[in-house]
Amino acid sequence: MTSCPLDTMKDKLTAIQKIIDDFSFKKYSNLHIWVKELDTKLEHILGDRLVQLIKTWMEEFEGFRNESVEKRFILESPTHELKIRDQTIFIEPSM
């Protein structure tokens, strides 16, 4: 989970949940202890991955105009339109 591609993360979490459901159905003893430990480990792993992804996105956002920065998240330049209706300013798409 610490290095798997984002595309496969949902599948891996679904597989883990299926295993836990099977164990629960078979009434394994002390399952609640194991699940609690697993939840803690997954929380730390997913939290670290989220921080890593946010840092990567921020680097890409800050260097968007720089051609040497690899583009993984922001693929095209956003375009916003300002509209004035009845003395009110709107921005589309909304932010």
Foldseek 3Di string as FASTA:
>chain_A
DLDDDPVCPVVVVVVVVVVLVVCVVVPDPPSVVVVVVVVVVVVVSVVVVVVVVVVLVVVCVVCVVPPVRDDDDCDDDDDWDWDADPNDIDIPPHD
